[in-house]
């Protein structure tokens, strides 16, 4: 029911037709992919969202991206180890 991630255990939901929970790497991929598409195809909206002076979303987005920079290298290494054993 739970998955180890970043030293803790997390509950990740299973959405039909999935048979297992979403892997944390795939969850990160989905979030970062969505943000990258927003930045690429809607640059005016992206610029508005990341404007620290005008957007309540700017700081949470910045924190999310900082967390991604810190967590993803370890998560990728752990995932490679997980699938190679």
Protein backbone atom coordinates (compact mmCIF):
# COMPACT_ATOMS: atom_id res chain seq x y z
CA UNK A 1 0.00 0.00 0.00
CA UNK A 2 2.91 2.40 0.56
CA UNK A 3 6.15 3.07 -1.26
CA UNK A 4 9.49 4.12 0.13
CA UNK A 5 10.55 7.52 -1.15
CA UNK A 6 13.10 10.02 0.18
CA UNK A 7 13.57 8.09 3.41
CA UNK A 8 9.87 7.93 4.28
CA UNK A 9 6.86 5.83 3.33
CA UNK A 10 4.18 7.38 1.13
CA UNK A 11 0.75 6.27 0.01
CA UNK A 12 0.37 6.67 -3.73
CA UNK A 13 -3.06 5.97 -5.22
CA UNK A 14 -3.89 3.38 -7.85
CA UNK A 15 -6.12 4.73 -10.60
CA UNK A 16 -7.93 2.27 -12.86
CA UNK A 17 -6.84 0.70 -15.17
CA UNK A 18 -3.46 0.77 -13.37
CA UNK A 19 -2.59 -2.38 -11.47
CA UNK A 20 0.03 -0.75 -9.20
CA UNK A 21 0.56 2.63 -7.62
CA UNK A 22 2.15 5.42 -9.57
CA UNK A 23 5.92 5.31 -9.19
CA UNK A 24 7.32 8.55 -7.65
CA UNK A 25 9.55 9.05 -10.70
CA UNK A 26 6.50 9.00 -12.97
CA UNK A 27 4.67 11.44 -10.68
CA UNK A 28 7.63 13.84 -10.89
CA UNK A 29 7.80 13.34 -14.66
CA UNK A 30 4.11 14.23 -15.07
CA UNK A 31 4.40 17.40 -12.99
CA UNK A 32 7.61 18.59 -14.65
CA UNK A 33 6.32 17.72 -18.11
CA UNK A 34 3.15 19.76 -17.52
CA UNK A 35 5.19 22.73 -16.30
CA UNK A 36 7.57 22.47 -19.27
CA UNK A 37 4.66 22.43 -21.73
CA UNK A 38 3.18 25.48 -20.03
CA UNK A 39 6.52 27.30 -20.22
CA UNK A 40 7.07 26.35 -23.85
CA UNK A 41 3.62 26.80 -25.37
CA UNK A 42 2.14 29.44 -23.05
CA UNK A 43 5.11 31.67 -22.18
CA UNK A 44 2.95 34.67 -21.26
CA UNK A 45 0.97 32.58 -18.77
CA UNK A 46 4.19 31.01 -17.46
CA UNK A 47 5.73 34.45 -17.00
CA UNK A 48 2.68 35.57 -15.06
CA UNK A 49 2.75 32.46 -12.86
CA UNK A 50 6.40 32.83 -11.91
CA UNK A 51 6.26 36.57 -11.25
CA UNK A 52 7.11 36.73 -7.54
CA UNK A 53 5.61 40.21 -7.22
CA UNK A 54 2.26 39.38 -8.80
CA UNK A 55 1.53 35.67 -8.46
CA UNK A 56 0.74 33.62 -5.36
CA UNK A 57 1.91 30.59 -7.37
CA UNK A 58 5.48 31.80 -7.93
CA UNK A 59 6.96 30.72 -4.60
CA UNK A 60 5.31 27.25 -4.59
CA UNK A 61 6.52 26.68 -8.17
CA UNK A 62 10.02 27.75 -7.18
CA UNK A 63 9.99 25.42 -4.16
CA UNK A 64 8.72 22.55 -6.32
CA UNK A 65 11.51 23.06 -8.85
CA UNK A 66 14.15 23.32 -6.11
CA UNK A 67 12.85 20.11 -4.59
CA UNK A 68 12.99 18.44 -8.00
CA UNK A 69 16.64 19.45 -8.40
CA UNK A 70 17.46 17.95 -5.00
CA UNK A 71 15.36 14.77 -5.15
CA UNK A 72 15.42 13.60 -8.75
CA UNK A 73 19.07 12.54 -9.04
CA UNK A 74 18.70 10.28 -5.99
CA UNK A 75 15.30 9.03 -7.14
CA UNK A 76 16.64 8.21 -10.60
CA UNK A 77 19.61 6.34 -9.12
CA UNK A 78 17.32 4.44 -6.74
CA UNK A 79 14.97 3.56 -9.60
CA UNK A 80 17.83 2.26 -11.74
CA UNK A 81 18.97 0.10 -8.81
CA UNK A 82 15.38 -1.08 -8.22
CA UNK A 83 14.84 -2.25 -11.79
CA UNK A 84 18.31 -3.74 -12.23
CA UNK A 85 18.06 -6.21 -9.35
